[in-house]
N, C-alpha and C. Protein backbone atom coordinates (compact mmCIF):
# COMPACT_ATOMS: atom_id res chain seq x y z
N MET A 1 0.84 -1.16 0.00
CA MET A 1 0.00 0.00 0.00
C MET A 1 0.89 1.23 0.00
N ARG A 2 0.40 2.27 -0.58
CA ARG A 2 1.19 3.49 -0.69
C ARG A 2 0.80 4.46 0.42
N ILE A 3 1.83 5.08 1.02
CA ILE A 3 1.64 6.11 2.03
C ILE A 3 2.25 7.39 1.48
N LEU A 4 1.47 8.46 1.51
CA LEU A 4 1.96 9.77 1.09
C LEU A 4 2.11 10.64 2.33
N ILE A 5 3.26 11.31 2.47
CA ILE A 5 3.43 12.21 3.61
C ILE A 5 3.64 13.64 3.11
N SER A 6 3.15 14.58 3.91
CA SER A 6 3.14 15.98 3.50
C SER A 6 4.53 16.62 3.52
N ASP A 7 5.42 16.11 4.34
CA ASP A 7 6.77 16.66 4.45
C ASP A 7 7.76 15.50 4.27
N PRO A 8 8.54 15.50 3.20
CA PRO A 8 9.44 14.36 2.94
C PRO A 8 10.62 14.25 3.91
N GLU A 9 10.85 15.25 4.73
CA GLU A 9 12.02 15.21 5.63
C GLU A 9 12.03 13.98 6.54
N PRO A 10 10.90 13.62 7.22
CA PRO A 10 10.96 12.46 8.12
C PRO A 10 10.64 11.12 7.44
N ILE A 11 10.75 11.06 6.12
CA ILE A 11 10.36 9.82 5.43
C ILE A 11 11.22 8.63 5.86
N GLY A 12 12.50 8.86 6.10
CA GLY A 12 13.37 7.79 6.57
C GLY A 12 12.93 7.27 7.93
N ASP A 13 12.46 8.16 8.79
CA ASP A 13 11.98 7.77 10.10
C ASP A 13 10.72 6.92 9.97
N LEU A 14 9.83 7.27 9.05
CA LEU A 14 8.62 6.48 8.82
C LEU A 14 8.98 5.07 8.37
N VAL A 15 9.89 4.96 7.43
CA VAL A 15 10.31 3.64 6.93
C VAL A 15 10.93 2.82 8.06
N ALA A 16 11.81 3.44 8.85
CA ALA A 16 12.45 2.73 9.96
C ALA A 16 11.41 2.27 10.99
N TYR A 17 10.45 3.12 11.30
CA TYR A 17 9.39 2.78 12.26
C TYR A 17 8.58 1.58 11.76
N LEU A 18 8.15 1.65 10.50
CA LEU A 18 7.36 0.55 9.96
C LEU A 18 8.14 -0.76 9.96
N ARG A 19 9.42 -0.69 9.66
CA ARG A 19 10.25 -1.90 9.68
C ARG A 19 10.39 -2.45 11.10
N ARG A 20 10.52 -1.57 12.09
CA ARG A 20 10.57 -2.03 13.48
C ARG A 20 9.28 -2.74 13.88
N CYS A 21 8.18 -2.34 13.27
CA CYS A 21 6.87 -2.97 13.52
C CYS A 21 6.71 -4.28 12.75
N GLY A 22 7.71 -4.65 11.98
CA GLY A 22 7.65 -5.89 11.23
C GLY A 22 7.10 -5.74 9.82
N CYS A 23 6.85 -4.50 9.40
CA CYS A 23 6.32 -4.24 8.06
C CYS A 23 7.45 -4.20 7.04
N ARG A 24 7.10 -4.42 5.80
CA ARG A 24 8.03 -4.14 4.70
C ARG A 24 7.76 -2.70 4.29
N ALA A 25 8.80 -1.91 4.08
CA ALA A 25 8.62 -0.51 3.70
C ALA A 25 9.81 -0.04 2.87
N GLU A 26 9.50 0.65 1.79
CA GLU A 26 10.52 1.20 0.89
C GLU A 26 10.10 2.60 0.46
N ILE A 27 11.07 3.50 0.36
CA ILE A 27 10.80 4.84 -0.16
C ILE A 27 10.53 4.73 -1.64
N ARG A 28 9.47 5.38 -2.11
CA ARG A 28 9.08 5.36 -3.52
C ARG A 28 8.89 6.79 -4.02
N GLY A 29 9.98 7.52 -4.05
CA GLY A 29 9.92 8.91 -4.50
C GLY A 29 9.82 9.85 -3.33
N GLN A 30 9.85 11.13 -3.64
CA GLN A 30 9.81 12.14 -2.59
C GLN A 30 8.41 12.18 -1.97
N GLY A 31 8.33 11.84 -0.70
CA GLY A 31 7.06 11.90 0.01
C GLY A 31 6.18 10.68 -0.15
N ALA A 32 6.71 9.58 -0.65
CA ALA A 32 5.90 8.37 -0.81
C ALA A 32 6.65 7.14 -0.31
N VAL A 33 5.91 6.27 0.34
CA VAL A 33 6.45 5.01 0.86
C VAL A 33 5.52 3.89 0.40
N GLU A 34 6.10 2.81 -0.05
CA GLU A 34 5.34 1.60 -0.36
C GLU A 34 5.51 0.69 0.85
N ALA A 35 4.40 0.25 1.45
CA ALA A 35 4.49 -0.53 2.68
C ALA A 35 3.50 -1.69 2.67
N ALA A 36 3.84 -2.71 3.42
CA ALA A 36 2.96 -3.86 3.63
C ALA A 36 3.12 -4.31 5.07
N PRO A 37 2.02 -4.67 5.72
CA PRO A 37 2.12 -5.14 7.10
C PRO A 37 2.88 -6.45 7.18
N PRO A 38 3.20 -6.90 8.39
CA PRO A 38 3.93 -8.17 8.53
C PRO A 38 3.22 -9.29 7.78
N GLU A 39 4.02 -10.18 7.22
CA GLU A 39 3.43 -11.28 6.45
C GLU A 39 2.61 -12.18 7.36
N ARG A 40 1.44 -12.51 6.88
CA ARG A 40 0.52 -13.38 7.60
C ARG A 40 -0.09 -14.34 6.58
N PRO A 41 -0.41 -15.52 7.01
CA PRO A 41 -1.04 -16.46 6.06
C PRO A 41 -2.44 -15.99 5.68
N ARG A 42 -2.66 -15.82 4.45
CA ARG A 42 -3.97 -15.53 3.83
C ARG A 42 -4.93 -14.73 4.71
N ILE A 43 -4.62 -13.47 4.90
CA ILE A 43 -5.46 -12.57 5.66
C ILE A 43 -6.15 -11.62 4.68
N ASP A 44 -7.38 -11.28 4.94
CA ASP A 44 -8.16 -10.39 4.10
C ASP A 44 -7.48 -9.02 3.95
N HIS A 45 -7.57 -8.46 2.75
CA HIS A 45 -6.96 -7.16 2.46
C HIS A 45 -7.45 -6.08 3.42
N ALA A 46 -8.73 -6.10 3.77
CA ALA A 46 -9.28 -5.07 4.67
C ALA A 46 -8.58 -5.11 6.03
N TYR A 47 -8.30 -6.30 6.53
CA TYR A 47 -7.61 -6.41 7.81
C TYR A 47 -6.18 -5.90 7.70
N LEU A 48 -5.49 -6.26 6.63
CA LEU A 48 -4.12 -5.81 6.43
C LEU A 48 -4.06 -4.29 6.36
N ARG A 49 -5.01 -3.68 5.66
CA ARG A 49 -5.05 -2.22 5.56
C ARG A 49 -5.29 -1.61 6.94
N MET A 50 -6.20 -2.20 7.71
CA MET A 50 -6.50 -1.70 9.04
C MET A 50 -5.26 -1.78 9.94
N GLU A 51 -4.51 -2.88 9.84
CA GLU A 51 -3.30 -3.03 10.64
C GLU A 51 -2.26 -1.97 10.27
N LEU A 52 -2.02 -1.77 8.98
CA LEU A 52 -1.05 -0.77 8.55
C LEU A 52 -1.51 0.63 8.94
N ASP A 53 -2.81 0.89 8.84
CA ASP A 53 -3.35 2.19 9.23
C ASP A 53 -3.12 2.45 10.72
N ALA A 54 -3.23 1.42 11.55
CA ALA A 54 -2.98 1.58 12.99
C ALA A 54 -1.52 1.98 13.25
N TYR A 55 -0.58 1.33 12.57
CA TYR A 55 0.83 1.72 12.72
C TYR A 55 1.02 3.18 12.29
N LEU A 56 0.37 3.56 11.20
CA LEU A 56 0.52 4.92 10.68
C LEU A 56 -0.07 5.95 11.65
N ARG A 57 -1.19 5.62 12.28
CA ARG A 57 -1.79 6.54 13.26
C ARG A 57 -0.83 6.79 14.43
N VAL A 58 -0.15 5.76 14.90
CA VAL A 58 0.82 5.93 15.98
C VAL A 58 1.96 6.83 15.52
N TRP A 59 2.47 6.59 14.31
CA TRP A 59 3.57 7.41 13.79
C TRP A 59 3.15 8.87 13.67
N ARG A 60 1.93 9.12 13.22
CA ARG A 60 1.44 10.51 13.11
C ARG A 60 1.38 11.18 14.48
N GLU A 61 1.02 10.43 15.51
CA GLU A 61 1.00 10.99 16.86
C GLU A 61 2.41 11.38 17.31
N MET A 62 3.40 10.63 16.87
CA MET A 62 4.79 10.92 17.23
C MET A 62 5.36 12.07 16.39
N HIS A 63 4.67 12.45 15.31
CA HIS A 63 5.13 13.52 14.41
C HIS A 63 3.98 14.51 14.16
N PRO A 64 3.61 15.28 15.19
CA PRO A 64 2.51 16.22 15.01
C PRO A 64 2.82 17.22 13.89
N GLY A 65 1.82 17.54 13.13
CA GLY A 65 1.98 18.49 12.05
C GLY A 65 2.37 17.86 10.72
N ILE A 66 2.72 16.58 10.71
CA ILE A 66 3.07 15.89 9.47
C ILE A 66 1.85 15.09 9.02
N GLY A 67 1.36 15.40 7.85
CA GLY A 67 0.24 14.65 7.29
C GLY A 67 0.74 13.36 6.66
N ALA A 68 0.01 12.29 6.86
CA ALA A 68 0.35 11.00 6.26
C ALA A 68 -0.95 10.30 5.89
N GLU A 69 -1.06 9.92 4.64
CA GLU A 69 -2.28 9.32 4.12
C GLU A 69 -1.99 7.95 3.53
N LEU A 70 -2.77 6.97 3.95
CA LEU A 70 -2.65 5.62 3.43
C LEU A 70 -3.62 5.47 2.27
N LEU A 71 -3.07 5.22 1.08
CA LEU A 71 -3.91 5.02 -0.09
C LEU A 71 -4.33 3.57 -0.15
N ASP A 72 -5.54 3.34 -0.54
CA ASP A 72 -6.09 1.98 -0.55
C ASP A 72 -5.86 1.31 -1.89
N THR A 73 -4.58 1.17 -2.25
CA THR A 73 -4.20 0.50 -3.48
C THR A 73 -3.39 -0.72 -3.11
N PRO A 74 -3.92 -1.93 -3.31
CA PRO A 74 -3.17 -3.12 -2.93
C PRO A 74 -1.94 -3.31 -3.80
N THR A 75 -0.89 -3.84 -3.20
CA THR A 75 0.32 -4.16 -3.95
C THR A 75 0.13 -5.47 -4.68
N ARG A 76 1.05 -5.83 -5.56
CA ARG A 76 0.98 -7.10 -6.28
C ARG A 76 0.96 -8.29 -5.33
N GLU A 77 1.74 -8.20 -4.24
CA GLU A 77 1.76 -9.30 -3.28
C GLU A 77 0.38 -9.48 -2.64
N GLU A 78 -0.27 -8.38 -2.31
CA GLU A 78 -1.59 -8.46 -1.70
C GLU A 78 -2.62 -9.02 -2.68
N LEU A 79 -2.51 -8.63 -3.92
CA LEU A 79 -3.44 -9.13 -4.92
C LEU A 79 -3.28 -10.63 -5.12
N ALA A 80 -2.09 -11.15 -4.87
CA ALA A 80 -1.84 -12.58 -5.05
C ALA A 80 -2.44 -13.42 -3.93
N LEU A 81 -2.82 -12.79 -2.82
CA LEU A 81 -3.37 -13.55 -1.70
C LEU A 81 -4.68 -14.14 -2.05
């Protein structure tokens, strides 16, 4: 799933945080991160999105003033589930 942030300065911190949470995360351009929650056996896309959104809400609380939006576009790996 793609995450867009309003200020690209803390993008490395977002990627590091998501990885500490067990997520896969890669920077995909200025202000964008491609992320997936920890691998789980055949879990519904809606649950995976909800889990990643929860991690993102915590990160936003730690970075007041930084907007971060989770786009609901499944990755190829998610589509294969």
